[in-house]
Amino acid sequence: MASNYDILLPNAAFKTLNFQTSYSNALKGGKFPKEDIIEILQQPGCVALRYYFALDNTTNTNAIHIILCGVNSEGNDMLPSEGSQGKLKDNAITCPPYCGAPNELNHI
């Protein structure tokens, strides 16, 4: 079933090419294991995932990666804090070097 967030492959390919051209030294993307995503989504009250762009330091601004967190029904991040078990995920398996076969999104 289609949702408002579906995107057709040609449009997705155009957008990933724009990013990869603009940030030619940056990572193309990454993958998180299914278990990590399920661990976040199975938190009580979690209705969505949110991602944040992140850098390990400001000297390598092309080393862009993302941090995942759960989102509750009020639209708030579910963060680990006193009395809370919020889960955060970082350090996706990066592309490159682990990009899979060449395709319209990784432009290899």
PDB file of N, CA and C in Angstrom:
ATOM      1  N   MET A   1       0.838  -1.189   0.000  1.00  0.00           N
ATOM      2  CA  MET A   1       0.000   0.000   0.000  1.00  0.00           C
ATOM      3  C   MET A   1       0.879   1.248   0.000  1.00  0.00           C
ATOM      4  N   ALA A   2       0.626   2.160  -0.876  1.00  0.00           N
ATOM      5  CA  ALA A   2       1.416   3.387  -0.991  1.00  0.00           C
ATOM      6  C   ALA A   2       1.089   4.346   0.150  1.00  0.00           C
ATOM      7  N   SER A   3       2.100   5.098   0.563  1.00  0.00           N
ATOM      8  CA  SER A   3       1.889   6.130   1.577  1.00  0.00           C
ATOM      9  C   SER A   3       2.335   7.466   1.009  1.00  0.00           C
ATOM     10  N   ASN A   4       2.108   8.524   1.752  1.00  0.00           N
ATOM     11  CA  ASN A   4       2.528   9.859   1.324  1.00  0.00           C
ATOM     12  C   ASN A   4       4.040   9.981   1.252  1.00  0.00           C
ATOM     13  N   TYR A   5       4.770   9.017   1.792  1.00  0.00           N
ATOM     14  CA  TYR A   5       6.217   9.092   1.852  1.00  0.00           C
ATOM     15  C   TYR A   5       6.892   8.238   0.786  1.00  0.00           C
ATOM     16  N   ASP A   6       6.123   7.544  -0.051  1.00  0.00           N
ATOM     17  CA  ASP A   6       6.701   6.762  -1.130  1.00  0.00           C
ATOM     18  C   ASP A   6       7.339   7.706  -2.146  1.00  0.00           C
ATOM     19  N   ILE A   7       8.397   7.221  -2.799  1.00  0.00           N
ATOM     20  CA  ILE A   7       9.069   7.997  -3.837  1.00  0.00           C
ATOM     21  C   ILE A   7       9.389   7.043  -4.987  1.00  0.00           C
ATOM     22  N   LEU A   8       9.210   7.512  -6.187  1.00  0.00           N
ATOM     23  CA  LEU A   8       9.534   6.703  -7.358  1.00  0.00           C
ATOM     24  C   LEU A   8      11.044   6.663  -7.548  1.00  0.00           C
ATOM     25  N   LEU A   9      11.542   5.559  -8.072  1.00  0.00           N
ATOM     26  CA  LEU A   9      12.981   5.367  -8.231  1.00  0.00           C
ATOM     27  C   LEU A   9      13.649   6.487  -9.026  1.00  0.00           C
ATOM     28  N   PRO A  10      13.099   6.960 -10.151  1.00  0.00           N
ATOM     29  CA  PRO A  10      13.791   8.045 -10.869  1.00  0.00           C
ATOM     30  C   PRO A  10      13.970   9.306 -10.022  1.00  0.00           C
ATOM     31  N   ASN A  11      12.975   9.653  -9.215  1.00  0.00           N
ATOM     32  CA  ASN A  11      13.080  10.826  -8.350  1.00  0.00           C
ATOM     33  C   ASN A  11      14.098  10.581  -7.243  1.00  0.00           C
ATOM     34  N   ALA A  12      14.074   9.389  -6.650  1.00  0.00           N
ATOM     35  CA  ALA A  12      15.048   9.049  -5.619  1.00  0.00           C
ATOM     36  C   ALA A  12      16.464   9.058  -6.194  1.00  0.00           C
ATOM     37  N   ALA A  13      16.639   8.513  -7.392  1.00  0.00           N
ATOM     38  CA  ALA A  13      17.954   8.496  -8.044  1.00  0.00           C
ATOM     39  C   ALA A  13      18.446   9.915  -8.299  1.00  0.00           C
ATOM     40  N   PHE A  14      17.559  10.802  -8.740  1.00  0.00           N
ATOM     41  CA  PHE A  14      17.909  12.203  -8.980  1.00  0.00           C
ATOM     42  C   PHE A  14      18.386  12.872  -7.692  1.00  0.00           C
ATOM     43  N   LYS A  15      17.651  12.637  -6.612  1.00  0.00           N
ATOM     44  CA  LYS A  15      17.989  13.272  -5.330  1.00  0.00           C
ATOM     45  C   LYS A  15      19.288  12.726  -4.743  1.00  0.00           C
ATOM     46  N   THR A  16      19.513  11.409  -4.840  1.00  0.00           N
ATOM     47  CA  THR A  16      20.767  10.862  -4.315  1.00  0.00           C
ATOM     48  C   THR A  16      21.946  11.335  -5.160  1.00  0.00           C
ATOM     49  N   LEU A  17      21.759  11.455  -6.460  1.00  0.00           N
ATOM     50  CA  LEU A  17      22.831  11.970  -7.314  1.00  0.00           C
ATOM     51  C   LEU A  17      23.149  13.422  -6.962  1.00  0.00           C
ATOM     52  N   ASN A  18      22.124  14.229  -6.711  1.00  0.00           N
ATOM     53  CA  ASN A  18      22.349  15.617  -6.287  1.00  0.00           C
ATOM     54  C   ASN A  18      23.199  15.674  -5.024  1.00  0.00           C
ATOM     55  N   PHE A  19      22.856  14.862  -4.029  1.00  0.00           N
ATOM     56  CA  PHE A  19      23.621  14.844  -2.777  1.00  0.00           C
ATOM     57  C   PHE A  19      25.045  14.382  -3.030  1.00  0.00           C
ATOM     58  N   GLN A  20      25.194  13.275  -3.753  1.00  0.00           N
ATOM     59  CA  GLN A  20      26.517  12.697  -3.965  1.00  0.00           C
ATOM     60  C   GLN A  20      27.404  13.607  -4.816  1.00  0.00           C
ATOM     61  N   THR A  21      26.810  14.401  -5.683  1.00  0.00           N
ATOM     62  CA  THR A  21      27.571  15.380  -6.464  1.00  0.00           C
ATOM     63  C   THR A  21      27.964  16.565  -5.582  1.00  0.00           C
ATOM     64  N   SER A  22      27.057  17.025  -4.755  1.00  0.00           N
ATOM     65  CA  SER A  22      27.317  18.173  -3.886  1.00  0.00           C
ATOM     66  C   SER A  22      28.299  17.849  -2.766  1.00  0.00           C
ATOM     67  N   TYR A  23      28.275  16.615  -2.293  1.00  0.00           N
ATOM     68  CA  TYR A  23      29.145  16.178  -1.203  1.00  0.00           C
ATOM     69  C   TYR A  23      29.947  14.968  -1.675  1.00  0.00           C
ATOM     70  N   SER A  24      30.802  15.200  -2.648  1.00  0.00           N
ATOM     71  CA  SER A  24      31.484  14.093  -3.316  1.00  0.00           C
ATOM     72  C   SER A  24      32.411  13.297  -2.398  1.00  0.00           C
ATOM     73  N   ASN A  25      32.870  13.872  -1.310  1.00  0.00           N
ATOM     74  CA  ASN A  25      33.749  13.152  -0.382  1.00  0.00           C
ATOM     75  C   ASN A  25      32.992  12.545   0.796  1.00  0.00           C
ATOM     76  N   ALA A  26      31.699  12.769   0.859  1.00  0.00           N
ATOM     77  CA  ALA A  26      30.897  12.277   1.983  1.00  0.00           C
ATOM     78  C   ALA A  26      30.467  10.831   1.747  1.00  0.00           C
ATOM     79  N   LEU A  27      30.030  10.192   2.815  1.00  0.00           N
ATOM     80  CA  LEU A  27      29.442   8.868   2.678  1.00  0.00           C
ATOM     81  C   LEU A  27      28.198   8.974   1.817  1.00  0.00           C
ATOM     82  N   LYS A  28      27.913   7.921   1.066  1.00  0.00           N
ATOM     83  CA  LYS A  28      26.708   7.885   0.246  1.00  0.00           C
ATOM     84  C   LYS A  28      25.504   7.485   1.087  1.00  0.00           C
ATOM     85  N   GLY A  29      25.747   6.701   2.109  1.00  0.00           N
ATOM     86  CA  GLY A  29      24.660   6.215   2.950  1.00  0.00           C
ATOM     87  C   GLY A  29      25.175   5.190   3.931  1.00  0.00           C
ATOM     88  N   GLY A  30      24.257   4.416   4.450  1.00  0.00           N
ATOM     89  CA  GLY A  30      24.605   3.374   5.401  1.00  0.00           C
ATOM     90  C   GLY A  30      23.416   2.467   5.615  1.00  0.00           C
ATOM     91  N   LYS A  31      23.674   1.388   6.295  1.00  0.00           N
ATOM     92  CA  LYS A  31      22.573   0.473   6.607  1.00  0.00           C
ATOM     93  C   LYS A  31      22.634   0.106   8.075  1.00  0.00           C
ATOM     94  N   PHE A  32      21.458  -0.008   8.661  1.00  0.00           N
ATOM     95  CA  PHE A  32      21.315  -0.457  10.040  1.00  0.00           C
ATOM     96  C   PHE A  32      20.745  -1.866  10.013  1.00  0.00           C
ATOM     97  N   PRO A  33      21.225  -2.744  10.877  1.00  0.00           N
ATOM     98  CA  PRO A  33      20.631  -4.080  10.942  1.00  0.00           C
ATOM     99  C   PRO A  33      19.148  -3.999  11.333  1.00  0.00           C
ATOM    100  N   LYS A  34      18.369  -4.901  10.787  1.00  0.00           N
ATOM    101  CA  LYS A  34      16.934  -4.981  11.070  1.00  0.00           C
ATOM    102  C   LYS A  34      16.673  -5.024  12.573  1.00  0.00           C
ATOM    103  N   GLU A  35      17.499  -5.764  13.290  1.00  0.00           N
ATOM    104  CA  GLU A  35      17.319  -5.903  14.742  1.00  0.00           C
ATOM    105  C   GLU A  35      17.417  -4.559  15.457  1.00  0.00           C
ATOM    106  N   ASP A  36      18.316  -3.667  14.989  1.00  0.00           N
ATOM    107  CA  ASP A  36      18.449  -2.352  15.609  1.00  0.00           C
ATOM    108  C   ASP A  36      17.192  -1.512  15.396  1.00  0.00           C
ATOM    109  N   ILE A  37      16.641  -1.570  14.195  1.00  0.00           N
ATOM    110  CA  ILE A  37      15.428  -0.797  13.900  1.00  0.00           C
ATOM    111  C   ILE A  37      14.242  -1.352  14.684  1.00  0.00           C
ATOM    112  N   ILE A  38      14.125  -2.665  14.729  1.00  0.00           N
ATOM    113  CA  ILE A  38      13.038  -3.290  15.494  1.00  0.00           C
ATOM    114  C   ILE A  38      13.164  -2.951  16.973  1.00  0.00           C
ATOM    115  N   GLU A  39      14.397  -2.939  17.493  1.00  0.00           N
ATOM    116  CA  GLU A  39      14.607  -2.612  18.907  1.00  0.00           C
ATOM    117  C   GLU A  39      14.064  -1.217  19.234  1.00  0.00           C
ATOM    118  N   ILE A  40      14.269  -0.273  18.344  1.00  0.00           N
ATOM    119  CA  ILE A  40      13.729   1.077  18.563  1.00  0.00           C
ATOM    120  C   ILE A  40      12.208   1.064  18.438  1.00  0.00           C
ATOM    121  N   LEU A  41      11.689   0.479  17.352  1.00  0.00           N
ATOM    122  CA  LEU A  41      10.246   0.517  17.090  1.00  0.00           C
ATOM    123  C   LEU A  41       9.425  -0.255  18.111  1.00  0.00           C
ATOM    124  N   GLN A  42      10.003  -1.242  18.774  1.00  0.00           N
ATOM    125  CA  GLN A  42       9.261  -2.032  19.756  1.00  0.00           C
ATOM    126  C   GLN A  42       9.239  -1.408  21.145  1.00  0.00           C
ATOM    127  N   GLN A  43       9.831  -0.240  21.301  1.00  0.00           N
ATOM    128  CA  GLN A  43       9.740   0.440  22.587  1.00  0.00           C
ATOM    129  C   GLN A  43       8.277   0.815  22.848  1.00  0.00           C
ATOM    130  N   PRO A  44       7.810   0.647  24.067  1.00  0.00           N
ATOM    131  CA  PRO A  44       6.433   1.042  24.367  1.00  0.00           C
ATOM    132  C   PRO A  44       6.194   2.515  24.015  1.00  0.00           C
ATOM    133  N   GLY A  45       5.156   2.779  23.246  1.00  0.00           N
ATOM    134  CA  GLY A  45       4.802   4.144  22.869  1.00  0.00           C
ATOM    135  C   GLY A  45       5.479   4.660  21.619  1.00  0.00           C
ATOM    136  N   CYS A  46       6.364   3.874  21.008  1.00  0.00           N
ATOM    137  CA  CYS A  46       7.069   4.326  19.804  1.00  0.00           C
ATOM    138  C   CYS A  46       6.157   4.171  18.587  1.00  0.00           C
ATOM    139  N   VAL A  47       6.018   5.253  17.810  1.00  0.00           N
ATOM    140  CA  VAL A  47       5.166   5.224  16.617  1.00  0.00           C
ATOM    141  C   VAL A  47       5.935   5.535  15.326  1.00  0.00           C
ATOM    142  N   ALA A  48       7.206   5.939  15.447  1.00  0.00           N
ATOM    143  CA  ALA A  48       7.979   6.311  14.263  1.00  0.00           C
ATOM    144  C   ALA A  48       9.469   6.333  14.598  1.00  0.00           C
ATOM    145  N   LEU A  49      10.273   6.487  13.556  1.00  0.00           N
ATOM    146  CA  LEU A  49      11.715   6.702  13.691  1.00  0.00           C
ATOM    147  C   LEU A  49      12.029   8.135  13.296  1.00  0.00           C
ATOM    148  N   ARG A  50      12.980   8.731  13.966  1.00  0.00           N
ATOM    149  CA  ARG A  50      13.509  10.034  13.537  1.00  0.00           C
ATOM    150  C   ARG A  50      15.002   9.849  13.350  1.00  0.00           C
ATOM    151  N   TYR A  51      15.554  10.577  12.386  1.00  0.00           N
ATOM    152  CA  TYR A  51      16.993  10.544  12.178  1.00  0.00           C
ATOM    153  C   TYR A  51      17.556  11.948  12.326  1.00  0.00           C
ATOM    154  N   TYR A  52      18.799  11.996  12.779  1.00  0.00           N
ATOM    155  CA  TYR A  52      19.542  13.249  12.881  1.00  0.00           C
ATOM    156  C   TYR A  52      20.854  13.089  12.143  1.00  0.00           C
ATOM    157  N   PHE A  53      21.220  14.073  11.341  1.00  0.00           N
ATOM    158  CA  PHE A  53      22.537  14.082  10.728  1.00  0.00           C
ATOM    159  C   PHE A  53      23.552  14.400  11.813  1.00  0.00           C
ATOM    160  N   ALA A  54      24.708  13.770  11.733  1.00  0.00           N
ATOM    161  CA  ALA A  54      25.702  13.935  12.777  1.00  0.00           C
ATOM    162  C   ALA A  54      27.109  13.903  12.192  1.00  0.00           C
ATOM    163  N   LEU A  55      28.048  14.508  12.934  1.00  0.00           N
ATOM    164  CA  LEU A  55      29.472  14.476  12.615  1.00  0.00           C
ATOM    165  C   LEU A  55      30.222  14.081  13.873  1.00  0.00           C
ATOM    166  N   ASP A  56      31.289  13.292  13.711  1.00  0.00           N
ATOM    167  CA  ASP A  56      32.123  12.950  14.863  1.00  0.00           C
ATOM    168  C   ASP A  56      32.938  14.146  15.322  1.00  0.00           C
ATOM    169  N   ASN A  57      33.303  15.021  14.377  1.00  0.00           N
ATOM    170  CA  ASN A  57      34.038  16.245  14.709  1.00  0.00           C
ATOM    171  C   ASN A  57      33.836  17.247  13.585  1.00  0.00           C
ATOM    172  N   THR A  58      34.220  18.473  13.810  1.00  0.00           N
ATOM    173  CA  THR A  58      33.989  19.523  12.812  1.00  0.00           C
ATOM    174  C   THR A  58      35.147  19.673  11.841  1.00  0.00           C
ATOM    175  N   THR A  59      36.185  18.845  11.965  1.00  0.00           N
ATOM    176  CA  THR A  59      37.309  18.935  11.036  1.00  0.00           C
ATOM    177  C   THR A  59      37.068  18.124   9.771  1.00  0.00           C
ATOM    178  N   ASN A  60      36.131  17.166   9.811  1.00  0.00           N
ATOM    179  CA  ASN A  60      35.806  16.371   8.630  1.00  0.00           C
ATOM    180  C   ASN A  60      34.308  16.475   8.391  1.00  0.00           C
ATOM    181  N   THR A  61      33.893  17.580   7.787  1.00  0.00           N
ATOM    182  CA  THR A  61      32.461  17.846   7.617  1.00  0.00           C
ATOM    183  C   THR A  61      31.822  16.996   6.534  1.00  0.00           C
ATOM    184  N   ASN A  62      32.608  16.181   5.824  1.00  0.00           N
ATOM    185  CA  ASN A  62      32.034  15.264   4.845  1.00  0.00           C
ATOM    186  C   ASN A  62      31.776  13.882   5.431  1.00  0.00           C
ATOM    187  N   ALA A  63      32.136  13.656   6.678  1.00  0.00           N
ATOM    188  CA  ALA A  63      31.900  12.358   7.322  1.00  0.00           C
ATOM    189  C   ALA A  63      30.511  12.347   7.959  1.00  0.00           C
ATOM    190  N   ILE A  64      29.511  12.646   7.150  1.00  0.00           N
ATOM    191  CA  ILE A  64      28.127  12.734   7.605  1.00  0.00           C
ATOM    192  C   ILE A  64      27.599  11.333   7.903  1.00  0.00           C
ATOM    193  N   HIS A  65      26.931  11.177   9.040  1.00  0.00           N
ATOM    194  CA  HIS A  65      26.219   9.939   9.324  1.00  0.00           C
ATOM    195  C   HIS A  65      24.937  10.289  10.049  1.00  0.00           C
ATOM    196  N   ILE A  66      24.135   9.287  10.390  1.00  0.00           N
ATOM    197  CA  ILE A  66      22.862   9.575  11.042  1.00  0.00           C
ATOM    198  C   ILE A  66      22.755   8.837  12.368  1.00  0.00           C
ATOM    199  N   ILE A  67      21.960   9.416  13.237  1.00  0.00           N
ATOM    200  CA  ILE A  67      21.593   8.811  14.515  1.00  0.00           C
ATOM    201  C   ILE A  67      20.086   8.592  14.472  1.00  0.00           C
ATOM    202  N   LEU A  68      19.654   7.397  14.861  1.00  0.00           N
ATOM    203  CA  LEU A  68      18.228   7.048  14.885  1.00  0.00           C
ATOM    204  C   LEU A  68      17.698   7.083  16.304  1.00  0.00           C
ATOM    205  N   CYS A  69      16.454   7.532  16.461  1.00  0.00           N
ATOM    206  CA  CYS A  69      15.758   7.450  17.748  1.00  0.00           C
ATOM    207  C   CYS A  69      14.274   7.211  17.488  1.00  0.00           C
ATOM    208  N   GLY A  70      13.602   6.710  18.484  1.00  0.00           N
ATOM    209  CA  GLY A  70      12.168   6.525  18.404  1.00  0.00           C
ATOM    210  C   GLY A  70      11.436   7.837  18.620  1.00  0.00           C
ATOM    211  N   VAL A  71      10.191   7.876  18.148  1.00  0.00           N
ATOM    212  CA  VAL A  71       9.328   9.050  18.310  1.00  0.00           C
ATOM    213  C   VAL A  71       8.005   8.568  18.887  1.00  0.00           C
ATOM    214  N   ASN A  72       7.490   9.281  19.907  1.00  0.00           N
ATOM    215  CA  ASN A  72       6.219   8.883  20.518  1.00  0.00           C
ATOM    216  C   ASN A  72       5.041   9.537  19.798  1.00  0.00           C
ATOM    217  N   SER A  73       3.834   9.233  20.238  1.00  0.00           N
ATOM    218  CA  SER A  73       2.623   9.712  19.558  1.00  0.00           C
ATOM    219  C   SER A  73       2.461  11.231  19.645  1.00  0.00           C
ATOM    220  N   GLU A  74       3.165  11.885  20.551  1.00  0.00           N
ATOM    221  CA  GLU A  74       3.135  13.351  20.635  1.00  0.00           C
ATOM    222  C   GLU A  74       4.157  13.992  19.708  1.00  0.00           C
ATOM    223  N   GLY A  75       4.945  13.151  19.003  1.00  0.00           N
ATOM    224  CA  GLY A  75       5.959  13.676  18.094  1.00  0.00           C
ATOM    225  C   GLY A  75       7.283  13.976  18.757  1.00  0.00           C
ATOM    226  N   ASN A  76       7.461  13.515  19.994  1.00  0.00           N
ATOM    227  CA  ASN A  76       8.687  13.787  20.736  1.00  0.00           C
ATOM    228  C   ASN A  76       9.678  12.638  20.627  1.00  0.00           C
ATOM    229  N   ASP A  77      10.970  12.988  20.628  1.00  0.00           N
ATOM    230  CA  ASP A  77      12.018  11.979  20.625  1.00  0.00           C
ATOM    231  C   ASP A  77      11.973  11.182  21.918  1.00  0.00           C
ATOM    232  N   MET A  78      12.190   9.881  21.794  1.00  0.00           N
ATOM    233  CA  MET A  78      12.237   8.988  22.958  1.00  0.00           C
ATOM    234  C   MET A  78      13.714   8.781  23.304  1.00  0.00           C
ATOM    235  N   LEU A  79      14.197   9.600  24.218  1.00  0.00           N
ATOM    236  CA  LEU A  79      15.613   9.613  24.557  1.00  0.00           C
ATOM    237  C   LEU A  79      15.887   8.861  25.856  1.00  0.00           C
ATOM    238  N   PRO A  80      17.088   8.285  25.974  1.00  0.00           N
ATOM    239  CA  PRO A  80      17.444   7.672  27.253  1.00  0.00           C
ATOM    240  C   PRO A  80      17.645   8.778  28.290  1.00  0.00           C
ATOM    241  N   SER A  81      16.956   8.663  29.383  1.00  0.00           N
ATOM    242  CA  SER A  81      17.092   9.636  30.461  1.00  0.00           C
ATOM    243  C   SER A  81      16.713   8.938  31.756  1.00  0.00           C
ATOM    244  N   GLU A  82      16.759   9.648  32.833  1.00  0.00           N
ATOM    245  CA  GLU A  82      16.434   9.058  34.127  1.00  0.00           C
ATOM    246  C   GLU A  82      15.044   8.425  34.087  1.00  0.00           C
ATOM    247  N   GLY A  83      14.987   7.133  34.325  1.00  0.00           N
ATOM    248  CA  GLY A  83      13.717   6.421  34.337  1.00  0.00           C
ATOM    249  C   GLY A  83      13.215   6.023  32.967  1.00  0.00           C
ATOM    250  N   SER A  84      13.967   6.292  31.911  1.00  0.00           N
ATOM    251  CA  SER A  84      13.538   5.964  30.554  1.00  0.00           C
ATOM    252  C   SER A  84      14.535   5.015  29.908  1.00  0.00           C
ATOM    253  N   GLN A  85      14.028   4.155  29.062  1.00  0.00           N
ATOM    254  CA  GLN A  85      14.866   3.188  28.366  1.00  0.00           C
ATOM    255  C   GLN A  85      15.022   3.539  26.889  1.00  0.00           C
ATOM    256  N   GLY A  86      14.922   4.797  26.517  1.00  0.00           N
ATOM    257  CA  GLY A  86      15.017   5.191  25.124  1.00  0.00           C
ATOM    258  C   GLY A  86      16.266   4.636  24.459  1.00  0.00           C
ATOM    259  N   LYS A  87      16.136   4.221  23.218  1.00  0.00           N
ATOM    260  CA  LYS A  87      17.240   3.626  22.466  1.00  0.00           C
ATOM    261  C   LYS A  87      17.689   4.585  21.368  1.00  0.00           C
ATOM    262  N   LEU A  88      18.994   4.740  21.225  1.00  0.00           N
ATOM    263  CA  LEU A  88      19.587   5.498  20.136  1.00  0.00           C
ATOM    264  C   LEU A  88      20.503   4.566  19.364  1.00  0.00           C
ATOM    265  N   LYS A  89      20.550   4.732  18.050  1.00  0.00           N
ATOM    266  CA  LYS A  89      21.428   3.916  17.214  1.00  0.00           C
ATOM    267  C   LYS A  89      22.303   4.823  16.361  1.00  0.00           C
ATOM    268  N   ASP A  90      23.552   4.426  16.224  1.00  0.00           N
ATOM    269  CA  ASP A  90      24.557   5.174  15.473  1.00  0.00           C
ATOM    270  C   ASP A  90      25.453   4.164  14.770  1.00  0.00           C
ATOM    271  N   ASN A  91      26.369   4.661  14.001  1.00  0.00           N
ATOM    272  CA  ASN A  91      27.384   3.825  13.362  1.00  0.00           C
ATOM    273  C   ASN A  91      26.799   2.791  12.418  1.00  0.00           C
ATOM    274  N   ALA A  92      26.002   3.263  11.485  1.00  0.00           N
ATOM    275  CA  ALA A  92      25.507   2.371  10.434  1.00  0.00           C
ATOM    276  C   ALA A  92      26.693   1.787   9.679  1.00  0.00           C
ATOM    277  N   ILE A  93      26.478   0.668   9.039  1.00  0.00           N
ATOM    278  CA  ILE A  93      27.490   0.083   8.163  1.00  0.00           C
ATOM    279  C   ILE A  93      27.516   0.962   6.915  1.00  0.00           C
ATOM    280  N   THR A  94      28.623   1.607   6.659  1.00  0.00           N
ATOM    281  CA  THR A  94      28.671   2.709   5.697  1.00  0.00           C
ATOM    282  C   THR A  94      28.881   2.283   4.247  1.00  0.00           C
ATOM    283  N   CYS A  95      28.391   3.156   3.376  1.00  0.00           N
ATOM    284  CA  CYS A  95      28.599   3.066   1.929  1.00  0.00           C
ATOM    285  C   CYS A  95      29.246   4.375   1.491  1.00  0.00           C
ATOM    286  N   PRO A  96      30.450   4.339   0.967  1.00  0.00           N
ATOM    287  CA  PRO A  96      31.334   3.189   0.868  1.00  0.00           C
ATOM    288  C   PRO A  96      31.935   2.823   2.219  1.00  0.00           C
ATOM    289  N   PRO A  97      32.479   1.644   2.360  1.00  0.00           N
ATOM    290  CA  PRO A  97      32.813   0.679   1.325  1.00  0.00           C
ATOM    291  C   PRO A  97      31.725  -0.360   1.063  1.00  0.00           C
ATOM    292  N   TYR A  98      30.708  -0.459   1.932  1.00  0.00           N
ATOM    293  CA  TYR A  98      29.704  -1.521   1.801  1.00  0.00           C
ATOM    294  C   TYR A  98      28.441  -0.991   1.126  1.00  0.00           C
ATOM    295  N   CYS A  99      28.490  -0.845  -0.200  1.00  0.00           N
ATOM    296  CA  CYS A  99      27.403  -0.230  -0.957  1.00  0.00           C
ATOM    297  C   CYS A  99      26.494  -1.222  -1.665  1.00  0.00           C
ATOM    298  N   GLY A 100      26.845  -2.472  -1.700  1.00  0.00           N
ATOM    299  CA  GLY A 100      26.075  -3.420  -2.491  1.00  0.00           C
ATOM    300  C   GLY A 100      26.407  -3.254  -3.965  1.00  0.00           C
ATOM    301  N   ALA A 101      25.640  -3.911  -4.806  1.00  0.00           N
ATOM    302  CA  ALA A 101      25.859  -3.835  -6.257  1.00  0.00           C
ATOM    303  C   ALA A 101      25.548  -2.426  -6.766  1.00  0.00           C
ATOM    304  N   PRO A 102      26.201  -1.995  -7.834  1.00  0.00           N
ATOM    305  CA  PRO A 102      25.895  -0.693  -8.421  1.00  0.00           C
ATOM    306  C   PRO A 102      24.406  -0.598  -8.765  1.00  0.00           C
ATOM    307  N   ASN A 103      23.809   0.567  -8.454  1.00  0.00           N
ATOM    308  CA  ASN A 103      22.394   0.781  -8.754  1.00  0.00           C
ATOM    309  C   ASN A 103      22.094   2.264  -8.890  1.00  0.00           C
ATOM    310  N   GLU A 104      20.829   2.588  -9.105  1.00  0.00           N
ATOM    311  CA  GLU A 104      20.419   3.974  -9.358  1.00  0.00           C
ATOM    312  C   GLU A 104      20.540   4.877  -8.142  1.00  0.00           C
ATOM    313  N   LEU A 105      20.661   4.311  -6.949  1.00  0.00           N
ATOM    314  CA  LEU A 105      20.773   5.150  -5.749  1.00  0.00           C
ATOM    315  C   LEU A 105      22.215   5.377  -5.319  1.00  0.00           C
ATOM    316  N   ASN A 106      23.072   4.357  -5.477  1.00  0.00           N
ATOM    317  CA  ASN A 106      24.466   4.552  -5.035  1.00  0.00           C
ATOM    318  C   ASN A 106      25.373   5.075  -6.152  1.00  0.00           C
ATOM    319  N   HIS A 107      24.922   5.039  -7.392  1.00  0.00           N
ATOM    320  CA  HIS A 107      25.641   5.634  -8.541  1.00  0.00           C
ATOM    321  C   HIS A 107      27.085   5.163  -8.650  1.00  0.00           C
ATOM    322  N   ILE A 108      27.297   3.880  -8.403  1.00  0.00           N
ATOM    323  CA  ILE A 108      28.647   3.324  -8.523  1.00  0.00           C
ATOM    324  C   ILE A 108      28.845   2.825  -9.935  1.00  0.00           C
TER     325      ILE A 108
END
